[in-house]
Amino acid sequence: MLPLFLALSVAAVVKGLPDVDVVPKENKCSNWPFFRQMSSVAGPFTIFADSTGTDIDGNKASYVTISDASVAAAWVGIASQKGVAVPQVQCQAFGSAEMLAMNLNGQYQPLSISEYFYHEYDGLIFVKTVPTGAPIEPHWHYYKNGTRLPGTFLGWNNFTTWAYLLDDSSNKYRIRLLTDSAQKLYDGEFTGFVRAGDPSLSD
């Protein structure tokens, strides 16, 4: 059975975000913050809420473990409070692919975007995904006058808008990638970006 938040009626279309042009960058570690050329690793850094228009902007990401290991080890959510301890994230090589990874129990595990549709995990960020998921890709944002917004933003295939919804059981905000500009929101959801780096730095 679907969880309550997915059973709720559809409420509103995506709105309220800055009007930006999204520019995808090559999915290489050199396009993520704090790249170290000697090791070909970017980071460690955090991922955090951005441009939600709420007081959770700047709140950092953590994970919630999933009991069914055939799905993934965990899903990633945004903390509901500032100043809490969160796992580090970095970009590194996994075989021939360069991927974001989160420190899970002392080991960096790859991150990907869930490919489950019509499912409670639709569009979420997974840790250590078992089924193949969509890669998380770096993007830059530009205002219409050509000025670049500070930061590197998480997304896939030119989509960088995420829906946020507080999950009562974990007290974290679930974030799901919206891959259709006409995609609607569930009751209680609001939109924002997800950014990589350090909330205290401008880039």
N, C-alpha and C. Protein backbone atom coordinates (compact mmCIF):
# COMPACT_ATOMS: atom_id res chain seq x y z
N MET A 1 0.85 -1.19 0.00
CA MET A 1 0.00 0.00 0.00
C MET A 1 0.88 1.24 0.00
N LEU A 2 0.51 2.24 -0.75
CA LEU A 2 1.29 3.45 -0.82
C LEU A 2 1.20 4.20 0.50
N PRO A 3 2.28 4.90 0.92
CA PRO A 3 2.24 5.69 2.14
C PRO A 3 1.26 6.84 1.98
N LEU A 4 0.91 7.41 3.14
CA LEU A 4 -0.11 8.44 3.16
C LEU A 4 0.19 9.59 2.23
N PHE A 5 1.46 10.04 2.18
CA PHE A 5 1.74 11.23 1.41
C PHE A 5 1.52 11.01 -0.08
N LEU A 6 1.64 9.78 -0.56
CA LEU A 6 1.37 9.52 -1.96
C LEU A 6 -0.11 9.33 -2.23
N ALA A 7 -0.87 9.01 -1.21
CA ALA A 7 -2.30 8.81 -1.39
C ALA A 7 -3.06 10.12 -1.36
N LEU A 8 -2.40 11.18 -0.91
CA LEU A 8 -3.06 12.48 -0.84
C LEU A 8 -3.36 13.01 -2.22
N SER A 9 -4.33 13.87 -2.31
CA SER A 9 -4.70 14.43 -3.61
C SER A 9 -3.63 15.36 -4.13
N VAL A 10 -3.56 15.48 -5.44
CA VAL A 10 -2.60 16.38 -6.06
C VAL A 10 -3.02 17.81 -5.80
N ALA A 11 -2.06 18.68 -5.46
CA ALA A 11 -2.41 20.00 -4.99
C ALA A 11 -2.06 21.12 -5.94
N ALA A 12 -0.82 21.17 -6.45
CA ALA A 12 -0.40 22.37 -7.16
C ALA A 12 0.69 22.05 -8.14
N VAL A 13 0.85 22.90 -9.14
CA VAL A 13 1.93 22.73 -10.09
C VAL A 13 3.19 23.38 -9.52
N VAL A 14 4.33 23.07 -10.14
CA VAL A 14 5.60 23.63 -9.71
C VAL A 14 5.59 25.14 -9.90
N LYS A 15 5.98 25.88 -8.88
CA LYS A 15 6.03 27.34 -8.98
C LYS A 15 6.93 27.89 -7.89
N GLY A 16 7.27 29.15 -8.01
CA GLY A 16 7.97 29.85 -6.95
C GLY A 16 9.48 29.80 -7.01
N LEU A 17 10.07 29.04 -7.91
CA LEU A 17 11.52 28.96 -7.99
C LEU A 17 12.07 30.11 -8.82
N PRO A 18 13.35 30.45 -8.64
CA PRO A 18 13.96 31.46 -9.51
C PRO A 18 13.85 31.05 -10.98
N ASP A 19 13.64 32.02 -11.85
CA ASP A 19 13.54 31.76 -13.28
C ASP A 19 14.95 31.65 -13.85
N VAL A 20 15.41 30.43 -14.05
CA VAL A 20 16.79 30.21 -14.45
C VAL A 20 16.87 29.33 -15.68
N ASP A 21 17.99 29.45 -16.38
CA ASP A 21 18.34 28.50 -17.43
C ASP A 21 19.25 27.45 -16.82
N VAL A 22 18.93 26.20 -17.06
CA VAL A 22 19.69 25.08 -16.50
C VAL A 22 20.69 24.60 -17.53
N VAL A 23 21.95 24.52 -17.11
CA VAL A 23 23.02 24.07 -18.01
C VAL A 23 23.66 22.82 -17.42
N PRO A 24 23.44 21.65 -18.03
CA PRO A 24 24.07 20.44 -17.52
C PRO A 24 25.57 20.45 -17.78
N LYS A 25 26.31 19.93 -16.83
CA LYS A 25 27.76 19.79 -16.96
C LYS A 25 28.10 18.31 -17.13
N GLU A 26 29.25 18.05 -17.73
CA GLU A 26 29.67 16.66 -17.89
C GLU A 26 29.76 15.99 -16.52
N ASN A 27 29.30 14.75 -16.45
CA ASN A 27 29.26 14.05 -15.17
C ASN A 27 30.64 13.52 -14.81
N LYS A 28 31.50 14.46 -14.47
CA LYS A 28 32.87 14.18 -14.05
C LYS A 28 33.11 14.80 -12.69
N CYS A 29 33.98 14.19 -11.89
CA CYS A 29 34.26 14.72 -10.56
C CYS A 29 34.82 16.14 -10.62
N SER A 30 35.48 16.48 -11.71
CA SER A 30 36.05 17.83 -11.83
C SER A 30 34.97 18.90 -11.89
N ASN A 31 33.70 18.52 -12.11
CA ASN A 31 32.61 19.48 -12.15
C ASN A 31 31.83 19.56 -10.83
N TRP A 32 32.32 18.87 -9.80
CA TRP A 32 31.74 18.98 -8.47
C TRP A 32 32.66 19.80 -7.58
N PRO A 33 32.16 20.35 -6.46
CA PRO A 33 32.99 21.23 -5.61
C PRO A 33 34.19 20.51 -5.01
N PHE A 34 35.21 21.33 -4.74
CA PHE A 34 36.40 20.89 -4.01
C PHE A 34 37.13 19.73 -4.71
N PHE A 35 37.26 19.84 -6.01
CA PHE A 35 37.93 18.79 -6.77
C PHE A 35 39.42 18.78 -6.46
N ARG A 36 39.96 17.60 -6.22
CA ARG A 36 41.39 17.41 -5.94
C ARG A 36 42.00 16.64 -7.10
N GLN A 37 42.76 17.34 -7.90
CA GLN A 37 43.28 16.74 -9.14
C GLN A 37 44.20 15.57 -8.87
N MET A 38 44.99 15.62 -7.80
CA MET A 38 45.95 14.55 -7.52
C MET A 38 45.25 13.21 -7.28
N SER A 39 44.07 13.24 -6.65
CA SER A 39 43.36 12.01 -6.34
C SER A 39 42.16 11.77 -7.25
N SER A 40 41.83 12.79 -8.07
CA SER A 40 40.65 12.74 -8.96
C SER A 40 39.36 12.56 -8.18
N VAL A 41 39.34 13.07 -6.96
CA VAL A 41 38.17 13.02 -6.09
C VAL A 41 37.72 14.45 -5.81
N ALA A 42 36.41 14.67 -5.79
CA ALA A 42 35.85 15.97 -5.40
C ALA A 42 35.20 15.83 -4.03
N GLY A 43 35.55 16.74 -3.14
CA GLY A 43 34.99 16.70 -1.80
C GLY A 43 36.03 16.32 -0.77
N PRO A 44 35.57 16.00 0.44
CA PRO A 44 34.15 15.85 0.81
C PRO A 44 33.42 17.18 0.96
N PHE A 45 32.09 17.10 0.76
CA PHE A 45 31.23 18.26 0.93
C PHE A 45 29.87 17.75 1.41
N THR A 46 28.91 18.64 1.50
CA THR A 46 27.55 18.24 1.85
C THR A 46 26.62 18.57 0.69
N ILE A 47 25.44 17.99 0.71
CA ILE A 47 24.37 18.44 -0.19
C ILE A 47 23.28 19.02 0.69
N PHE A 48 22.63 20.08 0.19
CA PHE A 48 21.74 20.83 1.07
C PHE A 48 20.62 21.49 0.28
N ALA A 49 19.57 21.88 1.01
CA ALA A 49 18.40 22.52 0.42
C ALA A 49 18.74 23.93 -0.04
N ASP A 50 18.17 24.31 -1.20
CA ASP A 50 18.44 25.63 -1.76
C ASP A 50 17.19 26.14 -2.49
N SER A 51 16.91 27.43 -2.34
CA SER A 51 15.85 28.11 -3.10
C SER A 51 14.47 27.54 -2.84
N THR A 52 14.23 27.00 -1.64
CA THR A 52 12.89 26.52 -1.32
C THR A 52 11.99 27.66 -0.87
N GLY A 53 12.57 28.78 -0.49
CA GLY A 53 11.79 29.89 0.04
C GLY A 53 11.29 29.63 1.45
N THR A 54 11.89 28.65 2.13
CA THR A 54 11.50 28.32 3.50
C THR A 54 12.74 28.37 4.39
N ASP A 55 12.52 28.15 5.68
CA ASP A 55 13.65 28.22 6.61
C ASP A 55 14.53 26.98 6.58
N ILE A 56 14.23 26.00 5.70
CA ILE A 56 15.13 24.84 5.61
C ILE A 56 16.24 25.07 4.58
N ASP A 57 16.23 26.19 3.87
CA ASP A 57 17.34 26.48 2.97
C ASP A 57 18.65 26.42 3.75
N GLY A 58 19.61 25.68 3.22
CA GLY A 58 20.88 25.48 3.91
C GLY A 58 20.93 24.24 4.78
N ASN A 59 19.77 23.62 5.06
CA ASN A 59 19.78 22.38 5.82
C ASN A 59 20.42 21.27 4.99
N LYS A 60 21.16 20.42 5.66
CA LYS A 60 21.99 19.43 4.98
C LYS A 60 21.30 18.07 4.89
N ALA A 61 21.85 17.22 4.02
CA ALA A 61 21.27 15.91 3.75
C ALA A 61 21.88 14.83 4.64
N SER A 62 21.03 13.90 5.01
CA SER A 62 21.44 12.68 5.70
C SER A 62 20.72 11.52 5.02
N TYR A 63 20.70 10.36 5.67
CA TYR A 63 20.06 9.21 5.04
C TYR A 63 19.17 8.48 6.04
N VAL A 64 18.23 7.72 5.49
CA VAL A 64 17.35 6.86 6.28
C VAL A 64 17.48 5.46 5.70
N THR A 65 17.82 4.50 6.51
CA THR A 65 18.05 3.14 6.02
C THR A 65 16.73 2.51 5.57
N ILE A 66 16.84 1.62 4.58
CA ILE A 66 15.69 0.90 4.03
C ILE A 66 15.81 -0.56 4.45
N SER A 67 14.74 -1.11 4.99
CA SER A 67 14.80 -2.48 5.50
C SER A 67 14.94 -3.50 4.37
N ASP A 68 14.40 -3.18 3.20
CA ASP A 68 14.47 -4.10 2.06
C ASP A 68 15.74 -3.82 1.26
N ALA A 69 16.77 -4.62 1.49
CA ALA A 69 18.07 -4.38 0.86
C ALA A 69 18.03 -4.58 -0.65
N SER A 70 16.99 -5.25 -1.16
CA SER A 70 16.89 -5.42 -2.61
C SER A 70 16.54 -4.11 -3.30
N VAL A 71 16.03 -3.13 -2.55
CA VAL A 71 15.72 -1.81 -3.10
C VAL A 71 16.97 -0.94 -3.07
N ALA A 72 17.52 -0.73 -1.90
CA ALA A 72 18.73 0.07 -1.70
C ALA A 72 19.09 0.01 -0.23
N ALA A 73 20.24 0.55 0.12
CA ALA A 73 20.64 0.58 1.51
C ALA A 73 19.91 1.68 2.28
N ALA A 74 19.62 2.80 1.59
CA ALA A 74 19.02 3.94 2.28
C ALA A 74 18.50 4.93 1.24
N TRP A 75 17.65 5.86 1.69
CA TRP A 75 17.28 7.00 0.87
C TRP A 75 17.78 8.27 1.55
N VAL A 76 18.01 9.28 0.74
CA VAL A 76 18.60 10.53 1.23
C VAL A 76 17.51 11.56 1.44
N GLY A 77 17.55 12.22 2.59
CA GLY A 77 16.61 13.28 2.90
C GLY A 77 17.32 14.48 3.50
N ILE A 78 16.62 15.59 3.55
CA ILE A 78 17.17 16.83 4.11
C ILE A 78 16.75 16.95 5.57
N ALA A 79 17.70 17.25 6.44
CA ALA A 79 17.41 17.39 7.86
C ALA A 79 16.42 18.53 8.09
N SER A 80 15.54 18.35 9.07
CA SER A 80 14.55 19.38 9.37
C SER A 80 15.12 20.49 10.27
N GLN A 81 16.33 20.29 10.78
CA GLN A 81 16.98 21.28 11.64
C GLN A 81 18.38 21.56 11.14
N LYS A 82 18.88 22.74 11.45
CA LYS A 82 20.25 23.10 11.12
C LYS A 82 21.19 22.63 12.23
N GLY A 83 22.45 22.47 11.87
CA GLY A 83 23.47 22.17 12.87
C GLY A 83 23.54 20.73 13.32
N VAL A 84 22.82 19.83 12.66
CA VAL A 84 22.90 18.42 13.04
C VAL A 84 24.03 17.74 12.27
N ALA A 85 24.59 16.70 12.86
CA ALA A 85 25.67 15.97 12.21
C ALA A 85 25.12 15.23 10.99
N VAL A 86 25.82 15.34 9.87
CA VAL A 86 25.38 14.68 8.64
C VAL A 86 26.57 13.97 8.00
N PRO A 87 26.33 12.94 7.20
CA PRO A 87 27.43 12.24 6.53
C PRO A 87 28.02 13.08 5.41
N GLN A 88 29.29 12.86 5.14
CA GLN A 88 29.96 13.57 4.06
C GLN A 88 29.65 12.93 2.72
N VAL A 89 29.77 13.74 1.68
CA VAL A 89 29.55 13.31 0.31
C VAL A 89 30.79 13.65 -0.51
N GLN A 90 31.11 12.83 -1.48
CA GLN A 90 32.19 13.15 -2.40
C GLN A 90 31.88 12.52 -3.76
N CYS A 91 32.62 12.93 -4.77
CA CYS A 91 32.56 12.30 -6.08
C CYS A 91 33.82 11.47 -6.27
N GLN A 92 33.65 10.24 -6.70
CA GLN A 92 34.78 9.35 -6.90
C GLN A 92 34.43 8.35 -7.99
N ALA A 93 35.43 7.60 -8.40
CA ALA A 93 35.23 6.60 -9.44
C ALA A 93 34.70 5.30 -8.85
N PHE A 94 33.71 4.73 -9.53
CA PHE A 94 33.23 3.38 -9.27
C PHE A 94 33.35 2.64 -10.60
N GLY A 95 34.41 1.87 -10.76
CA GLY A 95 34.70 1.29 -12.06
C GLY A 95 35.01 2.40 -13.05
N SER A 96 34.33 2.41 -14.17
CA SER A 96 34.56 3.43 -15.19
C SER A 96 33.70 4.67 -14.99
N ALA A 97 32.77 4.62 -14.02
CA ALA A 97 31.85 5.74 -13.80
C ALA A 97 32.32 6.61 -12.65
N GLU A 98 32.15 7.92 -12.81
CA GLU A 98 32.41 8.86 -11.73
C GLU A 98 31.07 9.26 -11.14
N MET A 99 30.90 9.03 -9.83
CA MET A 99 29.59 9.17 -9.20
C MET A 99 29.71 9.86 -7.86
N LEU A 100 28.62 10.55 -7.46
CA LEU A 100 28.52 11.01 -6.09
C LEU A 100 28.39 9.81 -5.17
N ALA A 101 28.93 9.94 -3.97
CA ALA A 101 28.87 8.87 -2.99
C ALA A 101 28.72 9.48 -1.60
N MET A 102 27.98 8.77 -0.74
CA MET A 102 27.77 9.23 0.64
C MET A 102 28.42 8.25 1.60
N ASN A 103 28.98 8.80 2.67
CA ASN A 103 29.62 7.97 3.68
C ASN A 103 28.55 7.27 4.51
N LEU A 104 28.46 5.97 4.34
CA LEU A 104 27.47 5.15 5.03
C LEU A 104 28.22 4.12 5.86
N ASN A 105 28.18 4.29 7.19
CA ASN A 105 28.86 3.37 8.10
C ASN A 105 30.35 3.24 7.78
N GLY A 106 30.98 4.37 7.46
CA GLY A 106 32.43 4.38 7.26
C GLY A 106 32.89 4.08 5.86
N GLN A 107 31.96 3.79 4.94
CA GLN A 107 32.32 3.52 3.55
C GLN A 107 31.50 4.40 2.62
N TYR A 108 32.16 4.92 1.58
CA TYR A 108 31.45 5.72 0.60
C TYR A 108 30.69 4.80 -0.36
N GLN A 109 29.38 5.02 -0.41
CA GLN A 109 28.51 4.22 -1.26
C GLN A 109 27.90 5.12 -2.34
N PRO A 110 27.77 4.61 -3.56
CA PRO A 110 27.30 5.46 -4.66
C PRO A 110 25.85 5.92 -4.48
N LEU A 111 25.57 7.12 -4.99
CA LEU A 111 24.23 7.68 -4.98
C LEU A 111 23.65 7.64 -6.39
N SER A 112 22.36 7.43 -6.48
CA SER A 112 21.68 7.50 -7.77
C SER A 112 20.23 7.89 -7.53
N ILE A 113 19.52 8.23 -8.60
CA ILE A 113 18.12 8.63 -8.50
C ILE A 113 17.25 7.42 -8.80
N SER A 114 16.31 7.15 -7.92
CA SER A 114 15.45 5.98 -8.07
C SER A 114 14.71 6.00 -9.39
N GLU A 115 14.65 4.84 -10.04
CA GLU A 115 13.87 4.69 -11.27
C GLU A 115 12.53 4.02 -11.02
N TYR A 116 12.16 3.87 -9.75
CA TYR A 116 10.84 3.33 -9.45
C TYR A 116 9.78 4.37 -9.80
N PHE A 117 8.74 3.96 -10.49
CA PHE A 117 7.62 4.85 -10.80
C PHE A 117 6.37 4.31 -10.11
N TYR A 118 5.46 5.22 -9.73
CA TYR A 118 4.24 4.85 -9.02
C TYR A 118 4.58 3.99 -7.80
N HIS A 119 5.51 4.46 -7.03
CA HIS A 119 6.09 3.70 -5.93
C HIS A 119 6.51 4.71 -4.87
N GLU A 120 6.55 4.28 -3.62
CA GLU A 120 6.88 5.23 -2.56
C GLU A 120 8.29 5.81 -2.69
N TYR A 121 9.16 5.20 -3.48
CA TYR A 121 10.53 5.70 -3.63
C TYR A 121 10.73 6.43 -4.96
N ASP A 122 9.67 6.74 -5.67
CA ASP A 122 9.77 7.39 -6.97
C ASP A 122 10.56 8.69 -6.89
N GLY A 123 11.68 8.76 -7.64
CA GLY A 123 12.44 9.99 -7.76
C GLY A 123 13.37 10.32 -6.62
N LEU A 124 13.42 9.48 -5.58
CA LEU A 124 14.29 9.78 -4.44
C LEU A 124 15.75 9.47 -4.78
N ILE A 125 16.65 10.02 -3.96
CA ILE A 125 18.06 9.67 -4.06
C ILE A 125 18.30 8.42 -3.22
N PHE A 126 18.89 7.40 -3.84
CA PHE A 126 19.20 6.16 -3.17
C PHE A 126 20.69 6.09 -2.84
N VAL A 127 21.00 5.42 -1.74
CA VAL A 127 22.37 5.08 -1.38
C VAL A 127 22.57 3.59 -1.67
N LYS A 128 23.65 3.29 -2.39
CA LYS A 128 23.99 1.91 -2.71
C LYS A 128 22.82 1.21 -3.40
N THR A 129 22.38 1.77 -4.49
CA THR A 129 21.25 1.22 -5.22
C THR A 129 21.59 -0.17 -5.77
N VAL A 130 20.67 -1.09 -5.63
CA VAL A 130 20.83 -2.41 -6.23
C VAL A 130 20.34 -2.42 -7.67
N PRO A 131 19.06 -2.04 -7.94
CA PRO A 131 18.67 -1.89 -9.35
C PRO A 131 19.37 -0.67 -9.94
N THR A 132 19.53 -0.67 -11.24
CA THR A 132 20.16 0.48 -11.88
C THR A 132 19.30 1.72 -11.71
N GLY A 133 19.91 2.79 -11.28
CA GLY A 133 19.21 4.06 -11.13
C GLY A 133 19.80 5.09 -12.08
N ALA A 134 19.14 6.22 -12.19
CA ALA A 134 19.65 7.30 -13.03
C ALA A 134 20.79 8.00 -12.31
N PRO A 135 21.83 8.39 -13.03
CA PRO A 135 22.96 9.06 -12.38
C PRO A 135 22.60 10.47 -11.92
N ILE A 136 23.20 10.89 -10.83
CA ILE A 136 23.06 12.28 -10.39
C ILE A 136 24.10 13.10 -11.13
N GLU A 137 23.65 14.13 -11.83
CA GLU A 137 24.54 14.91 -12.68
C GLU A 137 24.66 16.34 -12.16
N PRO A 138 25.83 16.97 -12.36
CA PRO A 138 26.01 18.37 -11.93
C PRO A 138 25.41 19.34 -12.96
N HIS A 139 24.82 20.41 -12.46
CA HIS A 139 24.23 21.44 -13.32
C HIS A 139 24.58 22.83 -12.77
N TRP A 140 24.67 23.79 -13.66
CA TRP A 140 24.80 25.20 -13.27
C TRP A 140 23.51 25.91 -13.64
N HIS A 141 23.19 26.97 -12.89
CA HIS A 141 22.01 27.77 -13.14
C HIS A 141 22.41 29.19 -13.51
N TYR A 142 21.70 29.75 -14.49
CA TYR A 142 21.96 31.12 -14.94
C TYR A 142 20.65 31.91 -14.96
N TYR A 143 20.71 33.15 -14.46
CA TYR A 143 19.58 34.05 -14.66
C TYR A 143 19.48 34.40 -16.14
N LYS A 144 18.33 34.96 -16.50
CA LYS A 144 18.08 35.28 -17.91
C LYS A 144 19.05 36.32 -18.45
N ASN A 145 19.66 37.12 -17.56
CA ASN A 145 20.63 38.12 -18.01
C ASN A 145 22.04 37.55 -18.18
N GLY A 146 22.17 36.23 -17.98
CA GLY A 146 23.45 35.56 -18.17
C GLY A 146 24.29 35.41 -16.92
N THR A 147 23.84 35.97 -15.80
CA THR A 147 24.58 35.86 -14.54
C THR A 147 24.39 34.47 -13.95
N ARG A 148 25.49 33.85 -13.60
CA ARG A 148 25.41 32.51 -13.01
C ARG A 148 25.08 32.58 -11.53
N LEU A 149 24.14 31.74 -11.08
CA LEU A 149 23.88 31.60 -9.66
C LEU A 149 25.03 30.83 -9.02
N PRO A 150 25.42 31.20 -7.81
CA PRO A 150 26.47 30.44 -7.13
C PRO A 150 26.05 28.99 -6.91
N GLY A 151 26.99 28.09 -7.07
CA GLY A 151 26.73 26.72 -6.69
C GLY A 151 26.61 25.74 -7.84
N THR A 152 26.71 24.47 -7.47
CA THR A 152 26.51 23.34 -8.38
C THR A 152 25.29 22.58 -7.90
N PHE A 153 24.36 22.30 -8.80
CA PHE A 153 23.06 21.78 -8.42
C PHE A 153 22.88 20.34 -8.90
N LEU A 154 22.24 19.54 -8.07
CA LEU A 154 22.01 18.13 -8.38
C LEU A 154 20.80 18.01 -9.30
N GLY A 155 20.90 17.09 -10.25
CA GLY A 155 19.79 16.82 -11.13
C GLY A 155 20.12 15.69 -12.08
N TRP A 156 19.32 15.61 -13.11
CA TRP A 156 19.52 14.59 -14.14
C TRP A 156 18.88 15.07 -15.43
N ASN A 157 19.62 14.96 -16.51
CA ASN A 157 19.08 15.20 -17.84
C ASN A 157 18.41 16.56 -17.96
N ASN A 158 19.04 17.58 -17.37
CA ASN A 158 18.56 18.96 -17.46
C ASN A 158 17.41 19.28 -16.49
N PHE A 159 17.06 18.35 -15.62
CA PHE A 159 16.04 18.59 -14.60
C PHE A 159 16.72 18.81 -13.25
N THR A 160 16.40 19.90 -12.57
CA THR A 160 17.03 20.21 -11.28
C THR A 160 16.03 20.65 -10.22
N THR A 161 14.74 20.53 -10.50
CA THR A 161 13.73 20.90 -9.52
C THR A 161 13.33 19.67 -8.71
N TRP A 162 13.31 19.84 -7.38
CA TRP A 162 12.99 18.74 -6.47
C TRP A 162 11.76 19.10 -5.66
N ALA A 163 10.94 18.11 -5.36
CA ALA A 163 9.78 18.28 -4.48
C ALA A 163 10.19 17.84 -3.07
N TYR A 164 9.89 18.67 -2.11
CA TYR A 164 10.21 18.43 -0.70
C TYR A 164 8.94 18.09 0.07
N LEU A 165 9.02 17.10 0.95
CA LEU A 165 7.89 16.76 1.81
C LEU A 165 8.41 16.18 3.11
N LEU A 166 7.94 16.72 4.23
CA LEU A 166 8.39 16.23 5.53
C LEU A 166 7.86 14.82 5.77
N ASP A 167 8.77 13.91 6.10
CA ASP A 167 8.43 12.53 6.43
C ASP A 167 8.37 12.42 7.94
N ASP A 168 7.17 12.22 8.48
CA ASP A 168 6.99 12.25 9.93
C ASP A 168 7.77 11.16 10.65
N SER A 169 7.93 10.02 10.02
CA SER A 169 8.58 8.90 10.72
C SER A 169 10.08 9.14 10.93
N SER A 170 10.71 9.86 10.02
CA SER A 170 12.15 10.12 10.14
C SER A 170 12.46 11.57 10.52
N ASN A 171 11.46 12.45 10.44
CA ASN A 171 11.64 13.89 10.66
C ASN A 171 12.66 14.48 9.69
N LYS A 172 12.71 13.91 8.49
CA LYS A 172 13.53 14.45 7.40
C LYS A 172 12.63 14.76 6.20
N TYR A 173 13.11 15.65 5.37
CA TYR A 173 12.36 15.98 4.16
C TYR A 173 12.75 15.02 3.04
N ARG A 174 11.78 14.28 2.55
CA ARG A 174 12.00 13.50 1.33
C ARG A 174 12.15 14.47 0.17
N ILE A 175 13.06 14.17 -0.72
CA ILE A 175 13.25 14.99 -1.92
C ILE A 175 13.16 14.07 -3.13
N ARG A 176 12.27 14.42 -4.06
CA ARG A 176 12.13 13.62 -5.27
C ARG A 176 12.30 14.53 -6.48
N LEU A 177 13.03 14.04 -7.45
CA LEU A 177 13.31 14.83 -8.64
C LEU A 177 12.08 14.88 -9.52
N LEU A 178 11.73 16.08 -9.97
CA LEU A 178 10.61 16.27 -10.88
C LEU A 178 11.16 16.31 -12.30
N THR A 179 10.78 15.34 -13.11
CA THR A 179 11.34 15.22 -14.46
C THR A 179 10.34 15.62 -15.53
N ASP A 180 9.38 16.44 -15.15
CA ASP A 180 8.39 16.95 -16.09
C ASP A 180 7.97 18.32 -15.59
N SER A 181 8.11 19.36 -16.41
CA SER A 181 7.81 20.72 -15.98
C SER A 181 6.34 20.89 -15.60
N ALA A 182 5.49 19.99 -16.06
CA ALA A 182 4.06 20.06 -15.74
C ALA A 182 3.70 19.13 -14.58
N GLN A 183 4.70 18.47 -14.02
CA GLN A 183 4.43 17.52 -12.94
C GLN A 183 3.83 18.24 -11.75
N LYS A 184 2.83 17.63 -11.14
CA LYS A 184 2.12 18.26 -10.03
C LYS A 184 2.67 17.79 -8.69
N LEU A 185 2.33 18.54 -7.67
CA LEU A 185 2.79 18.25 -6.33
C LEU A 185 1.69 17.61 -5.51
N TYR A 186 2.08 16.81 -4.52
CA TYR A 186 1.15 16.27 -3.55
C TYR A 186 0.94 17.30 -2.44
N ASP A 187 -0.16 17.15 -1.72
CA ASP A 187 -0.43 18.04 -0.59
C ASP A 187 0.77 18.05 0.36
N GLY A 188 1.17 19.25 0.74
CA GLY A 188 2.29 19.40 1.67
C GLY A 188 3.63 19.53 1.00
N GLU A 189 3.74 19.22 -0.28
CA GLU A 189 5.02 19.35 -0.97
C GLU A 189 5.28 20.80 -1.40
N PHE A 190 6.54 21.13 -1.47
CA PHE A 190 6.97 22.40 -2.04
C PHE A 190 8.26 22.15 -2.81
N THR A 191 8.62 23.08 -3.68
CA THR A 191 9.75 22.84 -4.57
C THR A 191 10.99 23.61 -4.15
N GLY A 192 12.12 23.13 -4.62
CA GLY A 192 13.40 23.79 -4.39
C GLY A 192 14.47 23.10 -5.21
N PHE A 193 15.67 23.59 -5.06
CA PHE A 193 16.82 22.95 -5.67
C PHE A 193 17.59 22.19 -4.59
N VAL A 194 18.51 21.36 -5.01
CA VAL A 194 19.43 20.67 -4.10
C VAL A 194 20.84 20.97 -4.58
N ARG A 195 21.64 21.50 -3.69
CA ARG A 195 22.95 22.03 -4.08
C ARG A 195 24.07 21.27 -3.38
N ALA A 196 25.22 21.21 -4.01
CA ALA A 196 26.40 20.55 -3.46
C ALA A 196 27.41 21.59 -3.01
N GLY A 197 28.12 21.30 -1.92
CA GLY A 197 29.16 22.21 -1.46
C GLY A 197 29.06 22.45 0.03
N ASP A 198 29.07 23.72 0.41
CA ASP A 198 29.02 24.13 1.81
C ASP A 198 28.06 25.32 1.89
N PRO A 199 27.00 25.22 2.70
CA PRO A 199 26.02 26.33 2.76
C PRO A 199 26.62 27.66 3.19
N SER A 200 27.77 27.63 3.88
CA SER A 200 28.37 28.88 4.35
C SER A 200 29.21 29.56 3.27
N LEU A 201 29.42 28.90 2.13
CA LEU A 201 30.22 29.45 1.06
C LEU A 201 29.32 29.85 -0.11
N SER A 202 29.75 30.85 -0.87
CA SER A 202 28.93 31.33 -1.98
C SER A 202 29.01 30.43 -3.19
N ASP A 203 30.02 29.56 -3.26
CA ASP A 203 30.15 28.68 -4.42
C ASP A 203 30.82 27.38 -4.02
